[in-house]
Amino acid sequence: MKYAGLLVMPAGFFLTLAALVLFADGTRRFAFVLCGLAVVAMGLAVAVRSHMPAKGANRP
């Protein structure tokens, strides 16, 4: 899951850039930018959660 989160973050970034380039209408552009930022946030959450130790894991 570590790599999935790290791959999702650039996808959201490029979705945001594509929205800025492709859409002339401000409302569509804003909606796609928000979706791109949400994808980046989800990827960051997956990457952070995959690096956290399990709840019951013993520390050496």
PDB file of N, CA and C in Angstrom:
ATOM      1  N   MET A   1       0.807  -1.196   0.000  1.00  0.00           N
ATOM      2  CA  MET A   1       0.000   0.000   0.000  1.00  0.00           C
ATOM      3  C   MET A   1       0.853   1.264   0.000  1.00  0.00           C
ATOM      4  N   LYS A   2       2.110   1.136   0.426  1.00  0.00           N
ATOM      5  CA  LYS A   2       2.972   2.314   0.434  1.00  0.00           C
ATOM      6  C   LYS A   2       3.103   2.891  -0.966  1.00  0.00           C
ATOM      7  N   TYR A   3       3.334   2.013  -1.912  1.00  0.00           N
ATOM      8  CA  TYR A   3       3.558   2.470  -3.285  1.00  0.00           C
ATOM      9  C   TYR A   3       2.272   2.949  -3.936  1.00  0.00           C
ATOM     10  N   ALA A   4       1.139   2.399  -3.537  1.00  0.00           N
ATOM     11  CA  ALA A   4      -0.142   2.854  -4.088  1.00  0.00           C
ATOM     12  C   ALA A   4      -0.384   4.309  -3.722  1.00  0.00           C
ATOM     13  N   GLY A   5      -0.145   4.650  -2.470  1.00  0.00           N
ATOM     14  CA  GLY A   5      -0.314   6.037  -2.054  1.00  0.00           C
ATOM     15  C   GLY A   5       0.642   6.971  -2.751  1.00  0.00           C
ATOM     16  N   LEU A   6       1.860   6.508  -2.950  1.00  0.00           N
ATOM     17  CA  LEU A   6       2.853   7.351  -3.617  1.00  0.00           C
ATOM     18  C   LEU A   6       2.577   7.502  -5.108  1.00  0.00           C
ATOM     19  N   LEU A   7       1.853   6.557  -5.691  1.00  0.00           N
ATOM     20  CA  LEU A   7       1.477   6.679  -7.101  1.00  0.00           C
ATOM     21  C   LEU A   7       0.207   7.499  -7.291  1.00  0.00           C
ATOM     22  N   VAL A   8      -0.653   7.512  -6.297  1.00  0.00           N
ATOM     23  CA  VAL A   8      -1.905   8.259  -6.409  1.00  0.00           C
ATOM     24  C   VAL A   8      -1.663   9.761  -6.293  1.00  0.00           C
ATOM     25  N   MET A   9      -0.695  10.158  -5.476  1.00  0.00           N
ATOM     26  CA  MET A   9      -0.442  11.591  -5.294  1.00  0.00           C
ATOM     27  C   MET A   9      -0.070  12.308  -6.596  1.00  0.00           C
ATOM     28  N   PRO A  10       0.850  11.789  -7.410  1.00  0.00           N
ATOM     29  CA  PRO A  10       1.125  12.484  -8.679  1.00  0.00           C
ATOM     30  C   PRO A  10      -0.064  12.463  -9.638  1.00  0.00           C
ATOM     31  N   ALA A  11      -0.882  11.424  -9.556  1.00  0.00           N
ATOM     32  CA  ALA A  11      -2.066  11.383 -10.416  1.00  0.00           C
ATOM     33  C   ALA A  11      -2.995  12.546 -10.098  1.00  0.00           C
ATOM     34  N   GLY A  12      -3.191  12.834  -8.827  1.00  0.00           N
ATOM     35  CA  GLY A  12      -4.015  13.980  -8.445  1.00  0.00           C
ATOM     36  C   GLY A  12      -3.387  15.295  -8.853  1.00  0.00           C
ATOM     37  N   PHE A  13      -2.074  15.378  -8.751  1.00  0.00           N
ATOM     38  CA  PHE A  13      -1.371  16.593  -9.164  1.00  0.00           C
ATOM     39  C   PHE A  13      -1.549  16.839 -10.662  1.00  0.00           C
ATOM     40  N   PHE A  14      -1.390  15.780 -11.462  1.00  0.00           N
ATOM     41  CA  PHE A  14      -1.543  15.950 -12.907  1.00  0.00           C
ATOM     42  C   PHE A  14      -2.994  16.189 -13.293  1.00  0.00           C
ATOM     43  N   LEU A  15      -3.936  15.651 -12.537  1.00  0.00           N
ATOM     44  CA  LEU A  15      -5.348  15.949 -12.771  1.00  0.00           C
ATOM     45  C   LEU A  15      -5.619  17.428 -12.537  1.00  0.00           C
ATOM     46  N   THR A  16      -5.022  17.978 -11.503  1.00  0.00           N
ATOM     47  CA  THR A  16      -5.176  19.405 -11.223  1.00  0.00           C
ATOM     48  C   THR A  16      -4.563  20.250 -12.336  1.00  0.00           C
ATOM     49  N   LEU A  17      -3.368  19.892 -12.782  1.00  0.00           N
ATOM     50  CA  LEU A  17      -2.739  20.648 -13.873  1.00  0.00           C
ATOM     51  C   LEU A  17      -3.544  20.554 -15.162  1.00  0.00           C
ATOM     52  N   ALA A  18      -4.058  19.370 -15.458  1.00  0.00           N
ATOM     53  CA  ALA A  18      -4.864  19.198 -16.672  1.00  0.00           C
ATOM     54  C   ALA A  18      -6.127  20.040 -16.599  1.00  0.00           C
ATOM     55  N   ALA A  19      -6.748  20.134 -15.429  1.00  0.00           N
ATOM     56  CA  ALA A  19      -7.945  20.953 -15.282  1.00  0.00           C
ATOM     57  C   ALA A  19      -7.629  22.420 -15.530  1.00  0.00           C
ATOM     58  N   LEU A  20      -6.489  22.873 -15.043  1.00  0.00           N
ATOM     59  CA  LEU A  20      -6.123  24.275 -15.251  1.00  0.00           C
ATOM     60  C   LEU A  20      -5.867  24.580 -16.711  1.00  0.00           C
ATOM     61  N   VAL A  21      -5.337  23.619 -17.434  1.00  0.00           N
ATOM     62  CA  VAL A  21      -5.005  23.845 -18.839  1.00  0.00           C
ATOM     63  C   VAL A  21      -6.217  23.664 -19.749  1.00  0.00           C
ATOM     64  N   LEU A  22      -7.038  22.656 -19.483  1.00  0.00           N
ATOM     65  CA  LEU A  22      -8.079  22.280 -20.429  1.00  0.00           C
ATOM     66  C   LEU A  22      -9.398  23.035 -20.289  1.00  0.00           C
ATOM     67  N   PHE A  23      -9.762  23.436 -19.095  1.00  0.00           N
ATOM     68  CA  PHE A  23     -11.078  24.036 -18.895  1.00  0.00           C
ATOM     69  C   PHE A  23     -10.985  25.549 -18.869  1.00  0.00           C
ATOM     70  N   ALA A  24     -11.814  26.177 -19.692  1.00  0.00           N
ATOM     71  CA  ALA A  24     -11.883  27.637 -19.715  1.00  0.00           C
ATOM     72  C   ALA A  24     -12.937  28.145 -18.732  1.00  0.00           C
ATOM     73  N   ASP A  25     -13.979  27.339 -18.523  1.00  0.00           N
ATOM     74  CA  ASP A  25     -15.057  27.709 -17.607  1.00  0.00           C
ATOM     75  C   ASP A  25     -14.558  27.629 -16.163  1.00  0.00           C
ATOM     76  N   GLY A  26     -14.782  28.676 -15.402  1.00  0.00           N
ATOM     77  CA  GLY A  26     -14.258  28.744 -14.044  1.00  0.00           C
ATOM     78  C   GLY A  26     -14.851  27.721 -13.098  1.00  0.00           C
ATOM     79  N   THR A  27     -16.146  27.410 -13.248  1.00  0.00           N
ATOM     80  CA  THR A  27     -16.762  26.462 -12.314  1.00  0.00           C
ATOM     81  C   THR A  27     -16.269  25.042 -12.558  1.00  0.00           C
ATOM     82  N   ARG A  28     -16.134  24.649 -13.802  1.00  0.00           N
ATOM     83  CA  ARG A  28     -15.600  23.316 -14.105  1.00  0.00           C
ATOM     84  C   ARG A  28     -14.148  23.200 -13.662  1.00  0.00           C
ATOM     85  N   ARG A  29     -13.397  24.232 -13.924  1.00  0.00           N
ATOM     86  CA  ARG A  29     -11.990  24.226 -13.517  1.00  0.00           C
ATOM     87  C   ARG A  29     -11.871  24.097 -12.002  1.00  0.00           C
ATOM     88  N   PHE A  30     -12.675  24.855 -11.275  1.00  0.00           N
ATOM     89  CA  PHE A  30     -12.645  24.807  -9.816  1.00  0.00           C
ATOM     90  C   PHE A  30     -13.043  23.426  -9.305  1.00  0.00           C
ATOM     91  N   ALA A  31     -14.066  22.822  -9.917  1.00  0.00           N
ATOM     92  CA  ALA A  31     -14.516  21.489  -9.491  1.00  0.00           C
ATOM     93  C   ALA A  31     -13.424  20.447  -9.720  1.00  0.00           C
ATOM     94  N   PHE A  32     -12.765  20.489 -10.864  1.00  0.00           N
ATOM     95  CA  PHE A  32     -11.719  19.507 -11.147  1.00  0.00           C
ATOM     96  C   PHE A  32     -10.470  19.747 -10.300  1.00  0.00           C
ATOM     97  N   VAL A  33     -10.177  20.994  -9.992  1.00  0.00           N
ATOM     98  CA  VAL A  33      -9.047  21.277  -9.102  1.00  0.00           C
ATOM     99  C   VAL A  33      -9.336  20.720  -7.714  1.00  0.00           C
ATOM    100  N   LEU A  34     -10.561  20.892  -7.236  1.00  0.00           N
ATOM    101  CA  LEU A  34     -10.926  20.320  -5.941  1.00  0.00           C
ATOM    102  C   LEU A  34     -10.835  18.795  -5.959  1.00  0.00           C
ATOM    103  N   CYS A  35     -11.282  18.181  -7.042  1.00  0.00           N
ATOM    104  CA  CYS A  35     -11.172  16.720  -7.154  1.00  0.00           C
ATOM    105  C   CYS A  35      -9.713  16.277  -7.183  1.00  0.00           C
ATOM    106  N   GLY A  36      -8.880  16.996  -7.893  1.00  0.00           N
ATOM    107  CA  GLY A  36      -7.453  16.668  -7.940  1.00  0.00           C
ATOM    108  C   GLY A  36      -6.804  16.800  -6.583  1.00  0.00           C
ATOM    109  N   LEU A  37      -7.158  17.850  -5.852  1.00  0.00           N
ATOM    110  CA  LEU A  37      -6.603  18.018  -4.510  1.00  0.00           C
ATOM    111  C   LEU A  37      -7.110  16.939  -3.559  1.00  0.00           C
ATOM    112  N   ALA A  38      -8.343  16.506  -3.742  1.00  0.00           N
ATOM    113  CA  ALA A  38      -8.879  15.407  -2.926  1.00  0.00           C
ATOM    114  C   ALA A  38      -8.129  14.111  -3.208  1.00  0.00           C
ATOM    115  N   VAL A  39      -7.792  13.858  -4.467  1.00  0.00           N
ATOM    116  CA  VAL A  39      -7.027  12.661  -4.821  1.00  0.00           C
ATOM    117  C   VAL A  39      -5.633  12.715  -4.200  1.00  0.00           C
ATOM    118  N   VAL A  40      -5.019  13.884  -4.218  1.00  0.00           N
ATOM    119  CA  VAL A  40      -3.703  14.039  -3.588  1.00  0.00           C
ATOM    120  C   VAL A  40      -3.812  13.778  -2.092  1.00  0.00           C
ATOM    121  N   ALA A  41      -4.842  14.304  -1.455  1.00  0.00           N
ATOM    122  CA  ALA A  41      -5.029  14.100  -0.014  1.00  0.00           C
ATOM    123  C   ALA A  41      -5.260  12.626   0.308  1.00  0.00           C
ATOM    124  N   MET A  42      -6.035  11.937  -0.523  1.00  0.00           N
ATOM    125  CA  MET A  42      -6.256  10.506  -0.288  1.00  0.00           C
ATOM    126  C   MET A  42      -4.962   9.720  -0.447  1.00  0.00           C
ATOM    127  N   GLY A  43      -4.161  10.045  -1.447  1.00  0.00           N
ATOM    128  CA  GLY A  43      -2.877   9.383  -1.628  1.00  0.00           C
ATOM    129  C   GLY A  43      -1.945   9.636  -0.464  1.00  0.00           C
ATOM    130  N   LEU A  44      -1.952  10.864   0.048  1.00  0.00           N
ATOM    131  CA  LEU A  44      -1.126  11.183   1.207  1.00  0.00           C
ATOM    132  C   LEU A  44      -1.600  10.412   2.434  1.00  0.00           C
ATOM    133  N   ALA A  45      -2.904  10.302   2.607  1.00  0.00           N
ATOM    134  CA  ALA A  45      -3.439   9.552   3.749  1.00  0.00           C
ATOM    135  C   ALA A  45      -3.063   8.077   3.667  1.00  0.00           C
ATOM    136  N   VAL A  46      -3.140   7.499   2.479  1.00  0.00           N
ATOM    137  CA  VAL A  46      -2.763   6.088   2.315  1.00  0.00           C
ATOM    138  C   VAL A  46      -1.275   5.904   2.583  1.00  0.00           C
ATOM    139  N   ALA A  47      -0.459   6.814   2.090  1.00  0.00           N
ATOM    140  CA  ALA A  47       0.984   6.696   2.304  1.00  0.00           C
ATOM    141  C   ALA A  47       1.338   6.841   3.782  1.00  0.00           C
ATOM    142  N   VAL A  48       0.716   7.765   4.468  1.00  0.00           N
ATOM    143  CA  VAL A  48       1.003   7.962   5.891  1.00  0.00           C
ATOM    144  C   VAL A  48       0.519   6.779   6.707  1.00  0.00           C
ATOM    145  N   ARG A  49      -0.697   6.312   6.425  1.00  0.00           N
ATOM    146  CA  ARG A  49      -1.240   5.190   7.195  1.00  0.00           C
ATOM    147  C   ARG A  49      -0.457   3.912   6.956  1.00  0.00           C
ATOM    148  N   SER A  50       0.101   3.742   5.782  1.00  0.00           N
ATOM    149  CA  SER A  50       0.861   2.517   5.519  1.00  0.00           C
ATOM    150  C   SER A  50       2.220   2.527   6.209  1.00  0.00           C
ATOM    151  N   HIS A  51       2.707   3.703   6.595  1.00  0.00           N
ATOM    152  CA  HIS A  51       3.985   3.788   7.294  1.00  0.00           C
ATOM    153  C   HIS A  51       3.837   3.761   8.811  1.00  0.00           C
ATOM    154  N   MET A  52       2.608   3.826   9.301  1.00  0.00           N
ATOM    155  CA  MET A  52       2.379   3.790  10.747  1.00  0.00           C
ATOM    156  C   MET A  52       2.460   2.352  11.245  1.00  0.00           C
ATOM    157  N   PRO A  53       3.033   2.143  12.419  1.00  0.00           N
ATOM    158  CA  PRO A  53       3.079   0.785  12.968  1.00  0.00           C
ATOM    159  C   PRO A  53       1.673   0.322  13.359  1.00  0.00           C
ATOM    160  N   ALA A  54       1.479  -0.987  13.348  1.00  0.00           N
ATOM    161  CA  ALA A  54       0.188  -1.543  13.728  1.00  0.00           C
ATOM    162  C   ALA A  54      -0.087  -1.241  15.193  1.00  0.00           C
ATOM    163  N   LYS A  55      -1.376  -1.235  15.557  1.00  0.00           N
ATOM    164  CA  LYS A  55      -1.767  -0.873  16.909  1.00  0.00           C
ATOM    165  C   LYS A  55      -1.168  -1.794  17.966  1.00  0.00           C
ATOM    166  N   GLY A  56      -1.219  -3.087  17.745  1.00  0.00           N
ATOM    167  CA  GLY A  56      -0.722  -4.026  18.729  1.00  0.00           C
ATOM    168  C   GLY A  56       0.713  -4.467  18.514  1.00  0.00           C
ATOM    169  N   ALA A  57       1.419  -3.805  17.640  1.00  0.00           N
ATOM    170  CA  ALA A  57       2.796  -4.223  17.315  1.00  0.00           C
ATOM    171  C   ALA A  57       3.722  -3.907  18.494  1.00  0.00           C
ATOM    172  N   ASN A  58       4.602  -4.842  18.760  1.00  0.00           N
ATOM    173  CA  ASN A  58       5.592  -4.653  19.816  1.00  0.00           C
ATOM    174  C   ASN A  58       6.798  -3.905  19.266  1.00  0.00           C
ATOM    175  N   ARG A  59       7.298  -2.992  20.055  1.00  0.00           N
ATOM    176  CA  ARG A  59       8.491  -2.270  19.644  1.00  0.00           C
ATOM    177  C   ARG A  59       9.721  -2.970  20.203  1.00  0.00           C
ATOM    178  N   PRO A  60      10.737  -3.131  19.385  1.00  0.00           N
ATOM    179  CA  PRO A  60      11.962  -3.796  19.890  1.00  0.00           C
ATOM    180  C   PRO A  60      12.776  -2.896  20.792  1.00  0.00           C
TER     181      PRO A  60
END
